[in-house]
Amino acid sequence: MPADPVPALLARATQALAAEFGSLPPFEPAPQSAADPDAMARVLDTVAHRLGNNYPYFHPLYAGQMLKPPHPVARAAYALAMAINPNNHARDGGRASSEMEMEAVAQIAGMFGWAGQHLGHLTSGGTMANLEALWVAGQLHPARRVVASEQAHYTHQRISGVLRLPFASIPADRRGRMDLEALETELRKGDVGTVVVTLGTTAIGAVDALDEIVALRDHYGFRIHVDAAYGGYFRLIRDVLDEPARRSFAAIDQADSIVVDPHKHGLQPYGCGCILFRDPAVGRLYKHDSPYTYFTSKELHLGEISLECSRAGASAVALWATQQLLPLTPDGEFAQGLARSRAAAVELDRRLRHDNAGRFHALAGGPPQLDIVVWSMRAPTAGQASELTRKIFLACAERNLHLALVQLLQSWFQPAEDSVDTEGGEYVTCLRSVLMKPEHEAWLGAIWEGLTAAYAAL
């Protein structure tokens, strides 16, 4: 593992925090709060050993799932806040951390073009954030349908079931984006209340055509909820994306609600999601009374605009600290990191498409829109391709290269005019690489070498 600056940072900051409370009289902690240091060290040694039974998520050779190391300042700020363990439900549970949350969320809203009025807060993750968005949609359009692409995250259908909202899945095109003709067919039925638009699907990072869906809203009238849990931060570098993605991210300020996960590209520890509403008036839907949590301030409490109650104030502190160090600006270091991840994905896709040995099938629809690359193996049938993929997946892991598996339509990897041999199934198991670490750009050569060596070994 690389040298870790967090212990030294945390030791210095802990002294500064202790000085802030220096006027308090000393007290003796209870035994359970002041365990024997040697005993704690033995337990933590065991923890370290147990944690070794993991993939090396922090390393550039881990290029599988959506796992990105938190920034050291986020880890240090989180640990520092845990000395107090604030609760961002009510202000008297987390005064400073509540202020930090509102400031950090306002900065995210500004990234999406909502620098003025908005309503938003942090959540435990994208699932809870999406639930709040669809709950508000259901309150405003009761009994009207929620529709989302078949490539949208599965939680939208599940959440709609929890909220007892009718749900319909819209087919996707060969690039994994919502099929707009199929969408309009559903809209003509007149009962769609909300369209979920995904900017960065979890399978291949596809970006739905938000700009065109906005135009449909002008005709049919519905709410637009943007699930940008994975792709939201790419708004900062939209100028380097392909033209369809660029137009979609440019139109994101036209959405009614947006979800983004700082614990993905935002360099935060799990769990840290964010829900934003363009119209602050939806706050009235959350209004409630509590006999014990709202008595120290007449200002807005985050608990009054959230379905969750207790929430870790440490998450807000970590996010605020990170955004102070790395502002969300198109020309800043944070955006440059995204651009390096994107460049790594484009280069890997280029190598797959131009492989002289003809070993791989890249997506026929074109290069990746964000930083996720998917490819299948060339083989006589889909079944044989899937089996070869699984073997290469294991062979890569033996070489410390960790990828992921995904099942996609076989037709996505062949030109539209070609017939598809469905022997072994309509779907094919593919390799998937999420190149979300900036270091992946420099390590792309090693990743390619590991992939091709694994193939050669078979």
Protein backbone atom coordinates (compact mmCIF):
# COMPACT_ATOMS: atom_id res chain seq x y z
CA MET A 1 0.00 0.00 0.00
CA PRO A 2 1.21 3.57 -0.61
CA ALA A 3 2.41 5.74 2.27
CA ASP A 4 -0.61 6.95 4.22
CA PRO A 5 -0.61 10.63 5.28
CA VAL A 6 -3.81 10.28 7.30
CA PRO A 7 -2.34 9.30 10.72
CA ALA A 8 -0.10 12.40 10.86
CA LEU A 9 -2.89 14.66 9.57
CA LEU A 10 -5.32 13.24 12.09
CA ALA A 11 -2.93 13.55 15.04
CA ARG A 12 -2.40 17.26 14.34
CA ALA A 13 -6.09 17.93 13.78
CA THR A 14 -7.07 15.98 16.92
CA GLN A 15 -4.91 18.30 19.03
CA ALA A 16 -6.58 21.32 17.44
CA LEU A 17 -10.03 19.85 18.12
CA ALA A 18 -9.14 19.10 21.74
CA ALA A 19 -8.12 22.73 22.18
CA GLU A 20 -11.60 23.82 21.07
CA PHE A 21 -13.07 22.01 24.09
CA GLY A 22 -10.23 22.87 26.47
CA SER A 23 -12.51 24.76 28.86
CA LEU A 24 -14.46 21.64 29.83
CA PRO A 25 -13.62 20.04 33.17
CA PRO A 26 -11.73 16.73 32.88
CA PHE A 27 -13.52 13.44 33.47
CA GLU A 28 -12.68 9.76 33.66
CA PRO A 29 -14.11 7.68 30.80
CA ALA A 30 -16.12 4.61 31.71
CA PRO A 31 -14.24 1.31 31.28
CA GLN A 32 -15.95 0.47 27.99
CA SER A 33 -14.83 3.86 26.61
CA ALA A 34 -11.22 3.53 27.79
CA ALA A 35 -10.27 -0.01 26.89
CA ASP A 36 -6.74 -1.26 27.51
CA PRO A 37 -4.51 0.01 24.65
CA ASP A 38 -2.77 -3.36 24.34
CA ALA A 39 -6.11 -5.14 24.10
CA MET A 40 -7.33 -2.71 21.46
CA ALA A 41 -4.09 -3.14 19.51
CA ARG A 42 -4.54 -6.92 19.49
CA VAL A 43 -8.10 -6.56 18.23
CA LEU A 44 -7.04 -4.15 15.49
CA ASP A 45 -4.23 -6.47 14.42
CA THR A 46 -6.86 -9.15 13.97
CA VAL A 47 -9.04 -6.70 12.05
CA ALA A 48 -6.13 -5.89 9.72
CA HIS A 49 -5.58 -9.60 9.11
CA ARG A 50 -9.28 -10.14 8.36
CA LEU A 51 -9.38 -7.15 6.03
CA GLY A 52 -6.64 -8.75 3.99
CA ASN A 53 -9.35 -11.06 2.67
CA ASN A 54 -10.40 -8.41 0.13
CA TYR A 55 -9.63 -7.32 -3.38
CA PRO A 56 -7.08 -4.46 -3.41
CA TYR A 57 -9.68 -1.80 -4.16
CA PHE A 58 -7.17 1.00 -3.63
CA HIS A 59 -4.75 -0.24 -6.32
CA PRO A 60 -4.84 0.76 -10.03
CA LEU A 61 -4.81 -2.95 -10.95
CA TYR A 62 -8.23 -3.18 -9.35
CA ALA A 63 -10.40 -2.11 -12.29
CA GLY A 64 -13.55 -4.09 -11.63
CA GLN A 65 -16.48 -2.62 -9.74
CA MET A 66 -17.30 1.00 -8.87
CA LEU A 67 -14.86 1.34 -6.00
CA LYS A 68 -12.73 4.44 -5.69
CA PRO A 69 -10.52 5.18 -2.66
CA PRO A 70 -11.64 8.12 -0.51
CA HIS A 71 -9.30 11.08 -0.56
CA PRO A 72 -6.94 11.21 2.46
CA VAL A 73 -8.47 14.51 3.58
CA ALA A 74 -11.92 12.89 3.51
CA ARG A 75 -10.72 9.98 5.62
CA ALA A 76 -8.99 12.29 8.09
CA ALA A 77 -11.96 14.65 8.35
CA TYR A 78 -14.35 11.73 8.82
CA ALA A 79 -12.21 10.24 11.60
CA LEU A 80 -11.82 13.65 13.24
CA ALA A 81 -15.58 14.20 13.24
CA MET A 82 -16.09 10.78 14.81
CA ALA A 83 -14.43 12.09 17.96
CA ILE A 84 -17.72 13.98 18.39
CA ASN A 85 -19.99 11.70 16.32
CA PRO A 86 -22.47 14.39 15.22
CA ASN A 87 -25.94 13.50 13.98
CA ASN A 88 -27.17 15.66 11.10
CA HIS A 89 -30.84 15.10 11.81
CA ALA A 90 -31.42 18.11 14.04
CA ARG A 91 -29.17 21.11 14.57
CA ASP A 92 -28.60 20.39 18.23
CA GLY A 93 -27.25 16.99 17.19
CA GLY A 94 -24.74 18.42 14.75
CA ARG A 95 -24.49 22.18 14.55
CA ALA A 96 -21.21 22.56 12.70
CA SER A 97 -21.65 19.44 10.57
CA SER A 98 -25.16 20.56 9.53
CA GLU A 99 -23.75 23.87 8.32
CA MET A 100 -21.01 21.99 6.45
CA GLU A 101 -23.60 19.74 4.83
CA MET A 102 -25.67 22.65 3.56
CA GLU A 103 -22.56 24.37 2.19
CA ALA A 104 -21.27 21.21 0.50
CA VAL A 105 -24.66 20.37 -1.00
CA ALA A 106 -24.97 23.93 -2.32
CA GLN A 107 -21.62 23.49 -4.08
CA ILE A 108 -22.87 20.28 -5.72
CA ALA A 109 -26.07 22.07 -6.75
CA GLY A 110 -23.93 24.81 -8.28
CA MET A 111 -22.06 22.19 -10.30
CA PHE A 112 -25.40 21.24 -11.88
CA GLY A 113 -26.36 24.84 -12.61
CA TRP A 114 -28.58 25.32 -9.57
CA ALA A 115 -26.50 28.01 -7.90
CA GLY A 116 -29.58 29.88 -6.70
CA GLN A 117 -32.57 28.20 -5.13
CA HIS A 118 -32.68 24.46 -4.59
CA LEU A 119 -33.53 21.94 -1.89
CA GLY A 120 -31.21 19.09 -1.04
CA HIS A 121 -29.30 17.08 1.50
CA LEU A 122 -26.99 14.11 1.88
CA THR A 123 -28.23 10.55 2.23
CA SER A 124 -26.76 7.19 3.09
CA GLY A 125 -26.40 6.46 -0.62
CA GLY A 126 -27.99 6.60 -4.04
CA THR A 127 -30.75 4.13 -3.21
CA MET A 128 -32.15 6.33 -0.43
CA ALA A 129 -31.65 9.44 -2.55
CA ASN A 130 -33.60 7.90 -5.44
CA LEU A 131 -36.31 6.79 -3.03
CA GLU A 132 -36.78 10.38 -1.86
CA ALA A 133 -36.95 11.64 -5.45
CA LEU A 134 -39.62 9.11 -6.40
CA TRP A 135 -41.47 9.67 -3.12
CA VAL A 136 -41.76 13.37 -3.96
CA ALA A 137 -42.80 12.47 -7.51
CA GLY A 138 -45.51 10.18 -6.13
CA GLN A 139 -46.76 12.89 -3.79
CA LEU A 140 -47.06 15.33 -6.69
CA HIS A 141 -48.42 12.79 -9.22
CA PRO A 142 -50.15 10.08 -7.18
CA ALA A 143 -50.93 6.84 -9.02
CA ARG A 144 -49.17 7.99 -12.18
CA ARG A 145 -46.54 5.73 -13.66
CA VAL A 146 -42.78 5.89 -13.20
CA VAL A 147 -40.83 4.81 -16.29
CA ALA A 148 -37.11 4.14 -16.64
CA SER A 149 -34.79 2.47 -19.12
CA GLU A 150 -34.28 -1.27 -18.82
CA GLN A 151 -30.62 -0.34 -18.24
CA ALA A 152 -31.51 1.96 -15.32
CA HIS A 153 -30.55 0.75 -11.88
CA TYR A 154 -32.84 -2.04 -10.67
CA THR A 155 -33.68 -0.09 -7.52
CA HIS A 156 -36.06 2.21 -9.41
CA GLN A 157 -38.48 -0.61 -10.03
CA ARG A 158 -38.02 -1.86 -6.49
CA ILE A 159 -38.52 1.61 -5.00
CA SER A 160 -41.64 2.13 -7.10
CA GLY A 161 -42.99 -1.10 -5.63
CA VAL A 162 -42.27 0.09 -2.10
CA LEU A 163 -44.05 3.37 -2.83
CA ARG A 164 -46.91 1.55 -4.60
CA LEU A 165 -46.33 3.51 -7.79
CA PRO A 166 -46.92 1.74 -11.12
CA PHE A 167 -43.66 1.21 -12.99
CA ALA A 168 -42.78 0.43 -16.61
CA SER A 169 -39.43 -0.44 -18.14
CA ILE A 170 -38.44 1.21 -21.45
CA PRO A 171 -36.23 -0.74 -23.90
CA ALA A 172 -32.67 0.45 -24.46
CA ASP A 173 -30.90 0.99 -27.78
CA ARG A 174 -27.65 -0.69 -28.83
CA ARG A 175 -25.64 1.86 -26.84
CA GLY A 176 -27.50 1.12 -23.63
CA ARG A 177 -29.53 4.35 -23.74
CA MET A 178 -33.27 4.70 -23.32
CA ASP A 179 -35.06 4.18 -26.65
CA LEU A 180 -36.90 7.46 -27.24
CA GLU A 181 -39.44 6.02 -29.66
CA ALA A 182 -40.40 3.42 -27.07
CA LEU A 183 -40.56 6.15 -24.44
CA GLU A 184 -42.89 8.28 -26.55
CA THR A 185 -45.14 5.29 -27.10
CA GLU A 186 -45.60 5.11 -23.32
CA LEU A 187 -46.02 8.87 -23.00
CA ARG A 188 -48.89 8.85 -25.49
CA LYS A 189 -50.89 6.75 -23.03
CA GLY A 190 -51.14 9.87 -20.87
CA ASP A 191 -50.48 8.28 -17.48
CA VAL A 192 -46.72 8.79 -17.04
CA GLY A 193 -45.91 11.04 -14.11
CA THR A 194 -42.11 10.64 -13.91
CA VAL A 195 -39.37 9.67 -16.34
CA VAL A 196 -36.13 8.48 -14.74
CA VAL A 197 -33.20 9.55 -16.91
CA THR A 198 -29.90 7.79 -16.22
CA LEU A 199 -26.65 9.67 -16.79
CA GLY A 200 -24.18 6.83 -16.41
CA THR A 201 -25.74 3.36 -16.29
CA THR A 202 -24.09 0.90 -13.95
CA ALA A 203 -23.49 -1.70 -16.69
CA ILE A 204 -21.69 0.32 -19.37
CA GLY A 205 -21.87 3.97 -18.29
CA ALA A 206 -24.45 4.88 -20.94
CA VAL A 207 -25.92 8.40 -20.90
CA ASP A 208 -29.62 8.76 -21.72
CA ALA A 209 -30.60 11.59 -24.10
CA LEU A 210 -31.73 14.04 -21.44
CA ASP A 211 -31.93 16.99 -23.84
CA GLU A 212 -34.39 15.16 -26.07
CA ILE A 213 -36.42 13.95 -23.09
CA VAL A 214 -36.70 17.56 -21.91
CA ALA A 215 -38.21 18.39 -25.30
CA LEU A 216 -40.73 15.55 -24.85
CA ARG A 217 -41.69 16.94 -21.45
CA ASP A 218 -42.66 20.22 -23.09
CA HIS A 219 -45.27 18.28 -25.08
CA TYR A 220 -46.44 15.57 -22.68
CA GLY A 221 -45.88 17.09 -19.23
CA PHE A 222 -44.12 14.88 -16.68
CA ARG A 223 -41.41 15.13 -14.03
CA ILE A 224 -37.83 14.36 -14.96
CA HIS A 225 -35.72 12.66 -12.33
CA VAL A 226 -32.04 12.32 -13.26
CA ASP A 227 -30.23 9.41 -11.70
CA ALA A 228 -26.64 10.63 -12.00
CA ALA A 229 -25.45 8.58 -9.03
CA TYR A 230 -22.50 7.36 -11.06
CA GLY A 231 -22.04 9.92 -13.81
CA GLY A 232 -23.05 13.21 -12.23
CA TYR A 233 -19.57 14.63 -11.72
CA PHE A 234 -18.83 14.27 -15.45
CA ARG A 235 -20.80 17.48 -15.88
CA LEU A 236 -17.50 19.18 -15.00
CA ILE A 237 -15.74 17.72 -18.05
CA ARG A 238 -18.67 17.47 -20.45
CA ASP A 239 -16.66 19.21 -23.17
CA VAL A 240 -14.41 16.13 -23.56
CA LEU A 241 -17.34 13.70 -23.84
CA ASP A 242 -19.04 12.64 -27.05
CA GLU A 243 -21.66 14.99 -28.48
CA PRO A 244 -24.77 13.13 -27.18
CA ALA A 245 -23.37 12.96 -23.63
CA ARG A 246 -22.29 16.60 -23.82
CA ARG A 247 -25.83 17.68 -24.70
CA SER A 248 -27.31 15.57 -21.91
CA PHE A 249 -25.04 16.98 -19.22
CA ALA A 250 -25.63 20.50 -20.51
CA ALA A 251 -29.37 19.97 -19.99
CA ILE A 252 -29.15 18.59 -16.45
CA ASP A 253 -30.25 21.90 -14.93
CA GLN A 254 -33.65 21.30 -16.59
CA ALA A 255 -34.34 18.26 -14.41
CA ASP A 256 -36.81 18.35 -11.52
CA SER A 257 -34.59 16.27 -9.26
CA ILE A 258 -31.03 14.92 -9.40
CA VAL A 259 -29.22 12.19 -7.50
CA VAL A 260 -25.44 11.94 -7.34
CA ASP A 261 -23.23 9.75 -5.16
CA PRO A 262 -20.17 11.50 -3.69
CA HIS A 263 -19.01 8.06 -2.52
CA LYS A 264 -18.39 7.14 -6.14
CA HIS A 265 -16.48 9.78 -8.10
CA GLY A 266 -16.66 12.32 -5.26
CA LEU A 267 -13.79 10.70 -3.31
CA GLN A 268 -15.91 10.00 -0.22
CA PRO A 269 -16.22 7.03 2.14
CA TYR A 270 -19.39 4.95 1.95
CA GLY A 271 -22.15 5.91 2.39
CA CYS A 272 -22.62 9.38 1.02
CA GLY A 273 -25.36 10.10 -1.50
CA CYS A 274 -27.05 13.37 -2.38
CA ILE A 275 -30.58 14.28 -3.48
CA LEU A 276 -31.37 17.66 -5.02
CA PHE A 277 -34.68 19.26 -6.05
CA ARG A 278 -34.86 22.25 -8.37
CA ASP A 279 -37.99 23.62 -6.65
CA PRO A 280 -37.47 24.30 -2.93
CA ALA A 281 -41.25 24.31 -2.48
CA VAL A 282 -41.27 20.50 -2.43
CA GLY A 283 -39.98 20.87 1.13
CA ARG A 284 -43.61 21.28 2.18
CA LEU A 285 -44.13 17.59 1.47
CA TYR A 286 -41.64 16.68 4.20
CA LYS A 287 -43.13 18.95 6.85
CA HIS A 288 -43.74 17.26 10.19
CA ASP A 289 -43.54 17.94 13.92
CA SER A 290 -41.32 16.28 16.49
CA PRO A 291 -41.60 16.82 20.23
CA TYR A 292 -37.90 16.51 20.96
CA THR A 293 -35.58 17.31 18.09
CA TYR A 294 -36.49 20.83 16.91
CA PHE A 295 -36.17 23.28 19.73
CA THR A 296 -32.77 24.97 19.61
CA SER A 297 -33.10 26.93 16.37
CA LYS A 298 -35.76 28.45 14.14
CA GLU A 299 -33.55 27.89 11.10
CA LEU A 300 -34.00 24.99 8.69
CA HIS A 301 -33.23 21.57 10.11
CA LEU A 302 -31.94 18.97 7.68
CA GLY A 303 -34.25 16.47 9.35
CA GLU A 304 -37.20 18.51 8.12
CA ILE A 305 -36.30 17.85 4.46
CA SER A 306 -35.28 14.21 4.71
CA LEU A 307 -37.05 10.88 5.03
CA GLU A 308 -34.06 9.57 6.97
CA CYS A 309 -33.68 10.55 10.60
CA SER A 310 -30.25 9.94 12.11
CA ARG A 311 -27.50 10.57 9.54
CA ALA A 312 -23.74 10.59 10.03
CA GLY A 313 -22.52 14.17 10.38
CA ALA A 314 -19.04 12.80 9.71
CA SER A 315 -20.06 12.20 6.08
CA ALA A 316 -20.88 15.88 5.68
CA VAL A 317 -17.61 16.93 7.33
CA ALA A 318 -15.59 14.67 5.02
CA LEU A 319 -17.38 15.95 1.90
CA TRP A 320 -17.03 19.59 2.92
CA ALA A 321 -13.30 19.15 3.60
CA THR A 322 -12.73 17.44 0.25
CA GLN A 323 -14.54 20.14 -1.69
CA GLN A 324 -12.55 22.81 0.13
CA LEU A 325 -9.34 21.14 -0.99
CA LEU A 326 -10.61 20.16 -4.46
CA PRO A 327 -13.30 22.62 -5.60
CA LEU A 328 -15.88 21.42 -8.12
CA THR A 329 -14.65 23.56 -11.01
CA PRO A 330 -14.11 22.53 -14.65
CA ASP A 331 -10.45 23.57 -14.60
CA GLY A 332 -9.54 22.24 -11.16
CA GLU A 333 -7.58 19.21 -10.00
CA PHE A 334 -10.75 17.26 -9.24
CA ALA A 335 -12.01 17.64 -12.82
CA GLN A 336 -8.56 16.76 -14.17
CA GLY A 337 -8.76 13.47 -12.28
CA LEU A 338 -12.05 12.67 -14.01
CA ALA A 339 -10.50 13.52 -17.36
CA ARG A 340 -7.63 11.08 -16.72
CA SER A 341 -10.11 8.32 -15.91
CA ARG A 342 -12.02 9.09 -19.08
CA ALA A 343 -8.79 9.06 -21.12
CA ALA A 344 -7.87 5.63 -19.73
CA ALA A 345 -11.25 4.23 -20.76
CA VAL A 346 -10.99 5.66 -24.27
CA GLU A 347 -7.50 4.19 -24.67
CA LEU A 348 -8.52 0.74 -23.43
CA ASP A 349 -11.48 0.76 -25.82
CA ARG A 350 -9.19 1.80 -28.68
CA ARG A 351 -6.84 -1.12 -27.98
CA LEU A 352 -9.73 -3.56 -27.88
CA ARG A 353 -11.09 -2.33 -31.21
CA HIS A 354 -7.72 -2.38 -32.93
CA ASP A 355 -6.38 -5.61 -31.46
CA ASN A 356 -4.32 -7.17 -34.25
CA ALA A 357 -4.99 -10.67 -32.98
CA GLY A 358 -8.75 -10.18 -33.26
CA ARG A 359 -9.44 -11.55 -29.78
CA PHE A 360 -12.09 -9.13 -28.56
CA HIS A 361 -15.48 -7.68 -29.46
CA ALA A 362 -15.96 -4.04 -28.39
CA LEU A 363 -19.45 -2.58 -28.20
CA ALA A 364 -20.71 -2.06 -31.76
CA GLY A 365 -22.44 1.18 -30.75
CA GLY A 366 -19.15 3.00 -30.25
CA PRO A 367 -16.62 4.01 -27.59
CA PRO A 368 -17.57 4.42 -23.92
CA GLN A 369 -19.43 7.58 -22.99
CA LEU A 370 -17.86 7.85 -19.53
CA ASP A 371 -15.13 5.67 -17.97
CA ILE A 372 -16.62 2.15 -18.09
CA VAL A 373 -15.38 -0.25 -20.78
CA VAL A 374 -17.13 -3.51 -21.68
CA TRP A 375 -16.02 -6.16 -24.16
CA SER A 376 -16.72 -9.77 -25.05
CA MET A 377 -14.51 -12.54 -26.39
CA ARG A 378 -14.53 -13.66 -30.00
CA ALA A 379 -15.77 -17.24 -30.16
CA PRO A 380 -18.05 -19.30 -32.45
CA THR A 381 -21.03 -19.08 -30.09
CA ALA A 382 -22.21 -16.91 -27.22
CA GLY A 383 -21.88 -19.87 -24.86
CA GLN A 384 -18.26 -20.43 -25.80
CA ALA A 385 -17.54 -16.70 -25.54
CA SER A 386 -19.06 -16.61 -22.06
CA GLU A 387 -17.03 -19.58 -20.91
CA LEU A 388 -13.83 -18.08 -22.27
CA THR A 389 -14.64 -14.80 -20.53
CA ARG A 390 -15.04 -16.48 -17.16
CA LYS A 391 -11.69 -18.25 -17.58
CA ILE A 392 -9.91 -15.03 -18.53
CA PHE A 393 -11.52 -13.28 -15.55
CA LEU A 394 -9.91 -15.83 -13.23
CA ALA A 395 -6.60 -15.82 -15.11
CA CYS A 396 -6.42 -12.03 -14.80
CA ALA A 397 -7.04 -12.26 -11.04
CA GLU A 398 -4.12 -14.69 -10.75
CA ARG A 399 -1.99 -11.89 -12.23
CA ASN A 400 -3.35 -9.33 -9.73
CA LEU A 401 -5.54 -7.73 -12.42
CA HIS A 402 -9.09 -7.55 -11.11
CA LEU A 403 -11.92 -6.99 -13.58
CA ALA A 404 -15.67 -7.57 -13.35
CA LEU A 405 -18.23 -9.65 -15.22
CA VAL A 406 -21.47 -8.43 -16.78
CA GLN A 407 -24.13 -10.02 -18.97
CA LEU A 408 -25.29 -8.07 -22.02
CA LEU A 409 -27.15 -8.74 -25.23
CA GLN A 410 -24.92 -10.46 -27.74
CA SER A 411 -26.34 -8.22 -30.46
CA TRP A 412 -24.71 -5.18 -28.83
CA PHE A 413 -21.32 -6.44 -29.97
CA GLN A 414 -22.20 -7.01 -33.63
CA PRO A 415 -23.11 -4.61 -36.42
CA ALA A 416 -26.85 -4.09 -36.77
CA GLU A 417 -26.92 -5.71 -40.21
CA ASP A 418 -25.29 -8.95 -38.99
CA SER A 419 -27.36 -11.92 -37.89
CA VAL A 420 -26.82 -13.02 -34.30
CA ASP A 421 -26.05 -16.63 -33.42
CA THR A 422 -28.00 -17.16 -30.20
CA GLU A 423 -26.73 -20.66 -29.54
CA GLY A 424 -26.08 -20.70 -25.82
CA GLY A 425 -28.45 -17.81 -25.19
CA GLU A 426 -29.36 -14.30 -26.25
CA TYR A 427 -26.96 -12.85 -23.68
CA VAL A 428 -23.22 -13.15 -23.44
CA THR A 429 -21.00 -12.83 -20.37
CA CYS A 430 -18.53 -9.99 -20.87
CA LEU A 431 -15.58 -8.40 -19.12
CA ARG A 432 -16.15 -4.99 -17.61
CA SER A 433 -13.60 -2.48 -16.40
CA VAL A 434 -14.47 0.60 -14.36
CA LEU A 435 -11.49 2.92 -14.81
CA MET A 436 -12.52 5.50 -12.21
CA LYS A 437 -9.12 6.09 -10.60
CA PRO A 438 -6.94 8.83 -12.13
CA GLU A 439 -4.01 6.44 -11.78
CA HIS A 440 -5.63 4.13 -14.33
CA GLU A 441 -4.34 6.34 -17.14
CA ALA A 442 -0.72 5.68 -16.16
CA TRP A 443 -1.41 1.99 -15.48
CA LEU A 444 -3.29 1.29 -18.70
CA GLY A 445 -0.24 -0.44 -20.18
CA ALA A 446 -0.01 -2.81 -17.21
CA ILE A 447 -3.74 -3.52 -17.40
CA TRP A 448 -3.48 -4.34 -21.10
CA GLU A 449 -0.41 -6.51 -20.52
CA GLY A 450 -2.23 -8.47 -17.80
CA LEU A 451 -5.32 -8.96 -19.98
CA THR A 452 -3.39 -10.18 -23.01
CA ALA A 453 -1.13 -12.40 -20.90
CA ALA A 454 -4.19 -14.02 -19.31
CA TYR A 455 -5.65 -14.63 -22.77
CA ALA A 456 -2.38 -16.12 -24.04
CA ALA A 457 -2.18 -18.46 -21.05
CA LEU A 458 -5.49 -20.01 -22.11
